[in-house]
Amino acid sequence: MKMKKILLCIMMISGLSLKAFSSDYSNFKNADIKSIRAFTKDLGNIVGGSTLYSARALGFGGFDISYKGAYQIKPSLNDTVYEKNKVFGIDYIQMGLGLPYRLDTYIRYGGNDGLNVIGGGVRYGLTNVNDQLYKFNVMISLNYNMGLYKDFYMLDYGAQLAVSMKLSNYVIPYISGGIDSLKLKVQNSNTSELEGKSIYDDIERYTVGLRFKIKWFNISAAYDLYDTRSGFNASLGARF
């Protein structure tokens, strides 16, 4: 009972903190090509972030809905779009559905400050679902996300491999690693030569996190490493 009370308090605090960080994209039109290249990586880190918190397949008819956030601790040195030395991120609503043969699918929508992001993906459990203590679940995930702002849009294609293991009825750690391919197209810029220009890049992402579970309710918190930049993600929701 004491553990349940502690986890409920963590859920309430996390639910409030997910909205604590915002982002401002109004300076994008003033950015030069060097800044836009750095911004492409920074934006890609959070557009494709926080897609999963478990390597266990939902199972046929299973359902998952959660409120998520993906954040980077500070922008890259050459990125003049985001405010210097300030946390930035994106919040999402994500829904997942379990299909036969250890397949899951999901869709999500989010954004802030004029940026809208929509995405989805499919996952496949590489191992049979196992809810025993100290047994591994392994999953591969393929993701697609699109971010749209009045001055640019981004396409993000990603693949991840995730592993999770149940340590107790309440605590389930997980790790994941993957790579994303990014495309950002400039639609409006104060430098006319940049309008219509497309920037391509790839990023690696690695995550170590914990999921806390009380019956159907779940909360997760994780540390992210994007190439040379650090971030974090959080999730609050229900899984049936």
C-alpha atoms as a PDB file:
ATOM      1  CA  MET A   1       0.000   0.000   0.000  1.00  0.00           C
ATOM      2  CA  LYS A   2       2.846   2.391   0.811  1.00  0.00           C
ATOM      3  CA  MET A   3       4.427   1.725  -2.603  1.00  0.00           C
ATOM      4  CA  LYS A   4       1.107   2.488  -4.334  1.00  0.00           C
ATOM      5  CA  LYS A   5       0.841   5.848  -2.546  1.00  0.00           C
ATOM      6  CA  ILE A   6       4.397   6.766  -3.535  1.00  0.00           C
ATOM      7  CA  LEU A   7       3.777   5.901  -7.183  1.00  0.00           C
ATOM      8  CA  LEU A   8       0.503   7.831  -7.243  1.00  0.00           C
ATOM      9  CA  CYS A   9       2.344  10.924  -5.973  1.00  0.00           C
ATOM     10  CA  ILE A  10       4.978  10.486  -8.690  1.00  0.00           C
ATOM     11  CA  MET A  11       2.220  10.267 -11.305  1.00  0.00           C
ATOM     12  CA  MET A  12       0.621  13.506 -10.143  1.00  0.00           C
ATOM     13  CA  ILE A  13       3.927  15.391 -10.095  1.00  0.00           C
ATOM     14  CA  SER A  14       4.933  14.079 -13.527  1.00  0.00           C
ATOM     15  CA  GLY A  15       1.576  14.977 -15.021  1.00  0.00           C
ATOM     16  CA  LEU A  16       2.078  18.573 -13.920  1.00  0.00           C
ATOM     17  CA  SER A  17       5.711  18.745 -15.043  1.00  0.00           C
ATOM     18  CA  LEU A  18       5.125  17.540 -18.616  1.00  0.00           C
ATOM     19  CA  LYS A  19       3.880  21.022 -19.536  1.00  0.00           C
ATOM     20  CA  ALA A  20       6.774  22.823 -17.849  1.00  0.00           C
ATOM     21  CA  PHE A  21       8.892  23.319 -20.981  1.00  0.00           C
ATOM     22  CA  SER A  22       7.932  25.224 -24.113  1.00  0.00           C
ATOM     23  CA  SER A  23       9.673  26.087 -27.365  1.00  0.00           C
ATOM     24  CA  ASP A  24       9.790  29.223 -29.510  1.00  0.00           C
ATOM     25  CA  TYR A  25      10.221  28.874 -33.282  1.00  0.00           C
ATOM     26  CA  SER A  26       9.705  32.532 -34.222  1.00  0.00           C
ATOM     27  CA  ASN A  27      13.431  33.109 -34.854  1.00  0.00           C
ATOM     28  CA  PHE A  28      13.618  30.434 -37.564  1.00  0.00           C
ATOM     29  CA  LYS A  29      13.240  32.984 -40.382  1.00  0.00           C
ATOM     30  CA  ASN A  30      16.402  34.760 -39.184  1.00  0.00           C
ATOM     31  CA  ALA A  31      18.546  31.604 -39.037  1.00  0.00           C
ATOM     32  CA  ASP A  32      21.431  31.059 -41.462  1.00  0.00           C
ATOM     33  CA  ILE A  33      22.241  27.714 -43.084  1.00  0.00           C
ATOM     34  CA  LYS A  34      24.660  26.717 -40.298  1.00  0.00           C
ATOM     35  CA  SER A  35      22.002  27.318 -37.664  1.00  0.00           C
ATOM     36  CA  ILE A  36      19.307  25.499 -39.654  1.00  0.00           C
ATOM     37  CA  ARG A  37      21.517  22.413 -39.952  1.00  0.00           C
ATOM     38  CA  ALA A  38      22.012  22.350 -36.173  1.00  0.00           C
ATOM     39  CA  PHE A  39      18.306  23.037 -35.615  1.00  0.00           C
ATOM     40  CA  THR A  40      17.388  20.085 -37.850  1.00  0.00           C
ATOM     41  CA  LYS A  41      19.180  17.700 -35.504  1.00  0.00           C
ATOM     42  CA  ASP A  42      17.751  19.320 -32.373  1.00  0.00           C
ATOM     43  CA  LEU A  43      14.192  19.247 -33.680  1.00  0.00           C
ATOM     44  CA  GLY A  44      14.579  15.683 -34.931  1.00  0.00           C
ATOM     45  CA  ASN A  45      15.657  14.584 -31.472  1.00  0.00           C
ATOM     46  CA  ILE A  46      12.304  15.545 -29.955  1.00  0.00           C
ATOM     47  CA  VAL A  47      10.010  14.958 -32.956  1.00  0.00           C
ATOM     48  CA  GLY A  48      10.955  11.275 -32.933  1.00  0.00           C
ATOM     49  CA  GLY A  49      11.370  10.944 -29.159  1.00  0.00           C
ATOM     50  CA  SER A  50       9.361   9.212 -26.434  1.00  0.00           C
ATOM     51  CA  THR A  51       7.664   6.691 -28.722  1.00  0.00           C
ATOM     52  CA  LEU A  52       7.847   3.701 -26.342  1.00  0.00           C
ATOM     53  CA  TYR A  53       8.376   2.826 -22.686  1.00  0.00           C
ATOM     54  CA  SER A  54       8.170  -0.964 -22.890  1.00  0.00           C
ATOM     55  CA  ALA A  55       9.392  -3.790 -25.092  1.00  0.00           C
ATOM     56  CA  ARG A  56       6.353  -5.930 -24.234  1.00  0.00           C
ATOM     57  CA  ALA A  57       3.808  -6.298 -27.032  1.00  0.00           C
ATOM     58  CA  LEU A  58       0.283  -5.189 -26.095  1.00  0.00           C
ATOM     59  CA  GLY A  59      -1.244  -8.439 -27.303  1.00  0.00           C
ATOM     60  CA  PHE A  60      -4.270  -8.828 -29.567  1.00  0.00           C
ATOM     61  CA  GLY A  61      -6.950  -6.351 -28.469  1.00  0.00           C
ATOM     62  CA  GLY A  62      -4.627  -4.580 -26.038  1.00  0.00           C
ATOM     63  CA  PHE A  63      -4.843  -0.800 -25.818  1.00  0.00           C
ATOM     64  CA  ASP A  64      -2.518   1.946 -24.633  1.00  0.00           C
ATOM     65  CA  ILE A  65      -3.159   5.676 -24.260  1.00  0.00           C
ATOM     66  CA  SER A  66      -0.655   8.100 -22.770  1.00  0.00           C
ATOM     67  CA  TYR A  67       0.382  11.710 -22.443  1.00  0.00           C
ATOM     68  CA  LYS A  68       4.057  11.987 -23.353  1.00  0.00           C
ATOM     69  CA  GLY A  69       6.850  14.522 -23.477  1.00  0.00           C
ATOM     70  CA  ALA A  70      10.236  14.486 -25.233  1.00  0.00           C
ATOM     71  CA  TYR A  71      12.818  17.101 -24.232  1.00  0.00           C
ATOM     72  CA  GLN A  72      16.400  18.144 -24.898  1.00  0.00           C
ATOM     73  CA  ILE A  73      18.376  19.785 -22.098  1.00  0.00           C
ATOM     74  CA  LYS A  74      19.767  22.577 -24.301  1.00  0.00           C
ATOM     75  CA  PRO A  75      20.153  23.289 -28.024  1.00  0.00           C
ATOM     76  CA  SER A  76      23.286  22.659 -30.061  1.00  0.00           C
ATOM     77  CA  LEU A  77      25.953  25.363 -30.060  1.00  0.00           C
ATOM     78  CA  ASN A  78      25.151  26.611 -33.586  1.00  0.00           C
ATOM     79  CA  ASP A  79      21.369  26.473 -33.175  1.00  0.00           C
ATOM     80  CA  THR A  80      20.041  30.051 -32.911  1.00  0.00           C
ATOM     81  CA  VAL A  81      16.354  29.089 -33.251  1.00  0.00           C
ATOM     82  CA  TYR A  82      15.885  27.701 -29.756  1.00  0.00           C
ATOM     83  CA  GLU A  83      16.746  29.845 -26.758  1.00  0.00           C
ATOM     84  CA  LYS A  84      20.340  29.300 -25.655  1.00  0.00           C
ATOM     85  CA  ASN A  85      20.957  26.989 -22.658  1.00  0.00           C
ATOM     86  CA  LYS A  86      17.245  26.331 -22.142  1.00  0.00           C
ATOM     87  CA  VAL A  87      15.300  23.066 -22.077  1.00  0.00           C
ATOM     88  CA  PHE A  88      12.929  22.632 -25.020  1.00  0.00           C
ATOM     89  CA  GLY A  89      10.539  19.882 -26.038  1.00  0.00           C
ATOM     90  CA  ILE A  90       7.231  18.620 -27.395  1.00  0.00           C
ATOM     91  CA  ASP A  91       4.196  17.077 -25.666  1.00  0.00           C
ATOM     92  CA  TYR A  92       2.124  14.311 -27.258  1.00  0.00           C
ATOM     93  CA  ILE A  93      -1.027  12.261 -26.908  1.00  0.00           C
ATOM     94  CA  GLN A  94      -0.322   8.720 -28.110  1.00  0.00           C
ATOM     95  CA  MET A  95      -2.643   5.740 -28.617  1.00  0.00           C
ATOM     96  CA  GLY A  96      -1.541   2.171 -29.316  1.00  0.00           C
ATOM     97  CA  LEU A  97      -3.444  -0.960 -30.356  1.00  0.00           C
ATOM     98  CA  GLY A  98      -2.381  -4.587 -30.071  1.00  0.00           C
ATOM     99  CA  LEU A  99      -2.708  -6.769 -33.174  1.00  0.00           C
ATOM    100  CA  PRO A 100      -2.244 -10.521 -33.707  1.00  0.00           C
ATOM    101  CA  TYR A 101       1.205 -12.129 -33.920  1.00  0.00           C
ATOM    102  CA  ARG A 102       2.878  -9.754 -31.442  1.00  0.00           C
ATOM    103  CA  LEU A 103       2.296  -6.756 -33.703  1.00  0.00           C
ATOM    104  CA  ASP A 104       1.350  -3.348 -32.286  1.00  0.00           C
ATOM    105  CA  THR A 105       0.483  -0.125 -34.050  1.00  0.00           C
ATOM    106  CA  TYR A 106       0.207   3.408 -32.722  1.00  0.00           C
ATOM    107  CA  ILE A 107      -0.641   6.969 -33.703  1.00  0.00           C
ATOM    108  CA  ARG A 108       0.141  10.215 -31.931  1.00  0.00           C
ATOM    109  CA  TYR A 109      -0.382  13.938 -32.141  1.00  0.00           C
ATOM    110  CA  GLY A 110       1.357  16.801 -30.366  1.00  0.00           C
ATOM    111  CA  GLY A 111       3.224  20.054 -30.575  1.00  0.00           C
ATOM    112  CA  ASN A 112       3.382  23.526 -29.068  1.00  0.00           C
ATOM    113  CA  ASP A 113       4.053  27.168 -29.951  1.00  0.00           C
ATOM    114  CA  GLY A 114       2.702  26.802 -33.493  1.00  0.00           C
ATOM    115  CA  LEU A 115       4.448  23.499 -34.276  1.00  0.00           C
ATOM    116  CA  ASN A 116       2.142  20.535 -34.947  1.00  0.00           C
ATOM    117  CA  VAL A 117       3.445  16.970 -35.040  1.00  0.00           C
ATOM    118  CA  ILE A 118       1.598  13.860 -36.180  1.00  0.00           C
ATOM    119  CA  GLY A 119       3.087  10.402 -36.303  1.00  0.00           C
ATOM    120  CA  GLY A 120       2.660   6.684 -35.988  1.00  0.00           C
ATOM    121  CA  GLY A 121       4.365   3.375 -36.360  1.00  0.00           C
ATOM    122  CA  VAL A 122       4.375  -0.388 -36.025  1.00  0.00           C
ATOM    123  CA  ARG A 123       6.146  -2.637 -33.538  1.00  0.00           C
ATOM    124  CA  TYR A 124       6.946  -6.310 -33.491  1.00  0.00           C
ATOM    125  CA  GLY A 125       7.758  -8.399 -30.437  1.00  0.00           C
ATOM    126  CA  LEU A 126      10.867 -10.427 -31.230  1.00  0.00           C
ATOM    127  CA  THR A 127      10.195 -12.646 -28.210  1.00  0.00           C
ATOM    128  CA  ASN A 128       7.013 -14.193 -26.883  1.00  0.00           C
ATOM    129  CA  VAL A 129       5.266 -11.989 -24.326  1.00  0.00           C
ATOM    130  CA  ASN A 130       6.700 -12.800 -20.907  1.00  0.00           C
ATOM    131  CA  ASP A 131       5.387 -11.279 -17.668  1.00  0.00           C
ATOM    132  CA  GLN A 132       7.568 -13.333 -15.325  1.00  0.00           C
ATOM    133  CA  LEU A 133      10.109 -11.589 -13.121  1.00  0.00           C
ATOM    134  CA  TYR A 134      13.621 -11.151 -14.559  1.00  0.00           C
ATOM    135  CA  LYS A 135      12.593 -12.307 -18.045  1.00  0.00           C
ATOM    136  CA  PHE A 136      13.292 -10.173 -21.109  1.00  0.00           C
ATOM    137  CA  ASN A 137      10.888  -8.810 -23.681  1.00  0.00           C
ATOM    138  CA  VAL A 138      12.489  -7.617 -26.928  1.00  0.00           C
ATOM    139  CA  MET A 139      10.826  -5.443 -29.562  1.00  0.00           C
ATOM    140  CA  ILE A 140      11.637  -3.650 -32.808  1.00  0.00           C
ATOM    141  CA  SER A 141       9.795  -0.455 -33.713  1.00  0.00           C
ATOM    142  CA  LEU A 142       9.449   1.446 -37.001  1.00  0.00           C
ATOM    143  CA  ASN A 143       8.274   5.049 -36.687  1.00  0.00           C
ATOM    144  CA  TYR A 144       7.208   7.942 -38.903  1.00  0.00           C
ATOM    145  CA  ASN A 145       6.605  11.527 -37.755  1.00  0.00           C
ATOM    146  CA  MET A 146       5.891  14.810 -39.505  1.00  0.00           C
ATOM    147  CA  GLY A 147       6.301  18.241 -37.913  1.00  0.00           C
ATOM    148  CA  LEU A 148       4.700  21.293 -39.503  1.00  0.00           C
ATOM    149  CA  TYR A 149       5.324  24.963 -38.716  1.00  0.00           C
ATOM    150  CA  LYS A 150       4.450  27.999 -40.823  1.00  0.00           C
ATOM    151  CA  ASP A 151       8.108  28.493 -41.847  1.00  0.00           C
ATOM    152  CA  PHE A 152       9.253  24.858 -42.244  1.00  0.00           C
ATOM    153  CA  TYR A 153       8.251  21.228 -42.110  1.00  0.00           C
ATOM    154  CA  MET A 154      10.131  18.096 -41.027  1.00  0.00           C
ATOM    155  CA  LEU A 155       9.872  14.403 -41.920  1.00  0.00           C
ATOM    156  CA  ASP A 156      11.337  11.827 -39.533  1.00  0.00           C
ATOM    157  CA  TYR A 157      11.749   8.090 -40.221  1.00  0.00           C
ATOM    158  CA  GLY A 158      13.092   5.959 -37.388  1.00  0.00           C
ATOM    159  CA  ALA A 159      13.848   2.417 -36.250  1.00  0.00           C
ATOM    160  CA  GLN A 160      14.481   1.272 -32.676  1.00  0.00           C
ATOM    161  CA  LEU A 161      15.339  -1.899 -30.813  1.00  0.00           C
ATOM    162  CA  ALA A 162      14.058  -2.077 -27.219  1.00  0.00           C
ATOM    163  CA  VAL A 163      14.520  -4.456 -24.288  1.00  0.00           C
ATOM    164  CA  SER A 164      12.573  -4.452 -21.011  1.00  0.00           C
ATOM    165  CA  MET A 165      12.522  -6.673 -17.931  1.00  0.00           C
ATOM    166  CA  LYS A 166      10.075  -6.878 -15.036  1.00  0.00           C
ATOM    167  CA  LEU A 167      11.887  -6.452 -11.703  1.00  0.00           C
ATOM    168  CA  SER A 168       8.733  -6.390  -9.565  1.00  0.00           C
ATOM    169  CA  ASN A 169       4.991  -5.915  -9.912  1.00  0.00           C
ATOM    170  CA  TYR A 170       5.605  -2.158  -9.945  1.00  0.00           C
ATOM    171  CA  VAL A 171       8.997  -1.518 -11.570  1.00  0.00           C
ATOM    172  CA  ILE A 172      10.013  -2.374 -15.152  1.00  0.00           C
ATOM    173  CA  PRO A 173      13.275  -0.913 -16.534  1.00  0.00           C
ATOM    174  CA  TYR A 174      13.859  -0.620 -20.268  1.00  0.00           C
ATOM    175  CA  ILE A 175      16.557   0.375 -22.732  1.00  0.00           C
ATOM    176  CA  SER A 176      16.392   1.182 -26.434  1.00  0.00           C
ATOM    177  CA  GLY A 177      18.599   2.317 -29.279  1.00  0.00           C
ATOM    178  CA  GLY A 178      17.954   3.372 -32.833  1.00  0.00           C
ATOM    179  CA  ILE A 179      18.554   5.693 -35.736  1.00  0.00           C
ATOM    180  CA  ASP A 180      16.383   8.336 -37.394  1.00  0.00           C
ATOM    181  CA  SER A 181      16.587   9.825 -40.873  1.00  0.00           C
ATOM    182  CA  LEU A 182      15.519  13.482 -41.081  1.00  0.00           C
ATOM    183  CA  LYS A 183      14.433  15.922 -43.752  1.00  0.00           C
ATOM    184  CA  LEU A 184      13.682  19.578 -43.010  1.00  0.00           C
ATOM    185  CA  LYS A 185      12.403  21.879 -45.755  1.00  0.00           C
ATOM    186  CA  VAL A 186      12.579  25.661 -45.403  1.00  0.00           C
ATOM    187  CA  GLN A 187       9.332  27.330 -46.485  1.00  0.00           C
ATOM    188  CA  ASN A 188       9.904  30.916 -45.332  1.00  0.00           C
ATOM    189  CA  SER A 189      13.191  32.684 -44.583  1.00  0.00           C
ATOM    190  CA  ASN A 190      14.521  36.225 -44.467  1.00  0.00           C
ATOM    191  CA  THR A 191      17.345  34.903 -46.660  1.00  0.00           C
ATOM    192  CA  SER A 192      15.726  34.290 -50.029  1.00  0.00           C
ATOM    193  CA  GLU A 193      18.378  31.743 -51.091  1.00  0.00           C
ATOM    194  CA  LEU A 194      17.267  29.432 -48.275  1.00  0.00           C
ATOM    195  CA  GLU A 195      13.580  29.301 -49.222  1.00  0.00           C
ATOM    196  CA  GLY A 196      12.720  25.885 -50.631  1.00  0.00           C
ATOM    197  CA  LYS A 197      16.017  24.371 -49.459  1.00  0.00           C
ATOM    198  CA  SER A 198      15.946  20.869 -47.930  1.00  0.00           C
ATOM    199  CA  ILE A 199      18.295  19.719 -45.161  1.00  0.00           C
ATOM    200  CA  TYR A 200      18.974  15.991 -44.678  1.00  0.00           C
ATOM    201  CA  ASP A 201      20.575  14.370 -41.649  1.00  0.00           C
ATOM    202  CA  ASP A 202      20.660  11.243 -39.478  1.00  0.00           C
ATOM    203  CA  ILE A 203      20.667  10.968 -35.702  1.00  0.00           C
ATOM    204  CA  GLU A 204      21.308   8.148 -33.261  1.00  0.00           C
ATOM    205  CA  ARG A 205      19.212   7.922 -30.106  1.00  0.00           C
ATOM    206  CA  TYR A 206      19.697   5.813 -26.971  1.00  0.00           C
ATOM    207  CA  THR A 207      17.349   5.622 -23.994  1.00  0.00           C
ATOM    208  CA  VAL A 208      17.520   4.183 -20.469  1.00  0.00           C
ATOM    209  CA  GLY A 209      14.359   4.412 -18.400  1.00  0.00           C
ATOM    210  CA  LEU A 210      12.016   3.056 -15.759  1.00  0.00           C
ATOM    211  CA  ARG A 211       8.321   2.289 -16.043  1.00  0.00           C
ATOM    212  CA  PHE A 212       6.233   2.239 -12.874  1.00  0.00           C
ATOM    213  CA  LYS A 213       2.957   0.304 -12.995  1.00  0.00           C
ATOM    214  CA  ILE A 214      -0.142   0.170 -10.789  1.00  0.00           C
ATOM    215  CA  LYS A 215      -2.729  -2.123 -12.368  1.00  0.00           C
ATOM    216  CA  TRP A 216      -3.570  -0.376 -15.670  1.00  0.00           C
ATOM    217  CA  PHE A 217      -1.844   2.920 -14.876  1.00  0.00           C
ATOM    218  CA  ASN A 218       1.711   3.557 -16.008  1.00  0.00           C
ATOM    219  CA  ILE A 219       4.293   6.274 -15.581  1.00  0.00           C
ATOM    220  CA  SER A 220       7.760   6.308 -17.093  1.00  0.00           C
ATOM    221  CA  ALA A 221      10.823   8.519 -16.942  1.00  0.00           C
ATOM    222  CA  ALA A 222      13.953   8.099 -19.047  1.00  0.00           C
ATOM    223  CA  TYR A 223      17.303   9.622 -19.944  1.00  0.00           C
ATOM    224  CA  ASP A 224      17.982  10.133 -23.667  1.00  0.00           C
ATOM    225  CA  LEU A 225      21.276  10.501 -25.503  1.00  0.00           C
ATOM    226  CA  TYR A 226      21.029  11.976 -29.005  1.00  0.00           C
ATOM    227  CA  ASP A 227      24.448  11.807 -30.675  1.00  0.00           C
ATOM    228  CA  THR A 228      26.324  14.256 -28.380  1.00  0.00           C
ATOM    229  CA  ARG A 229      23.252  15.898 -26.799  1.00  0.00           C
ATOM    230  CA  SER A 230      21.331  14.821 -23.704  1.00  0.00           C
ATOM    231  CA  GLY A 231      17.615  14.828 -23.081  1.00  0.00           C
ATOM    232  CA  PHE A 232      14.839  13.098 -21.214  1.00  0.00           C
ATOM    233  CA  ASN A 233      11.307  11.880 -21.753  1.00  0.00           C
ATOM    234  CA  ALA A 234       8.307  11.102 -19.602  1.00  0.00           C
ATOM    235  CA  SER A 235       4.964   9.388 -20.031  1.00  0.00           C
ATOM    236  CA  LEU A 236       1.741   9.128 -18.040  1.00  0.00           C
ATOM    237  CA  GLY A 237      -1.109   6.895 -19.139  1.00  0.00           C
ATOM    238  CA  ALA A 238      -3.059   3.643 -19.036  1.00  0.00           C
ATOM    239  CA  ARG A 239      -2.286   0.285 -20.621  1.00  0.00           C
ATOM    240  CA  PHE A 240      -4.891  -2.476 -20.899  1.00  0.00           C
END
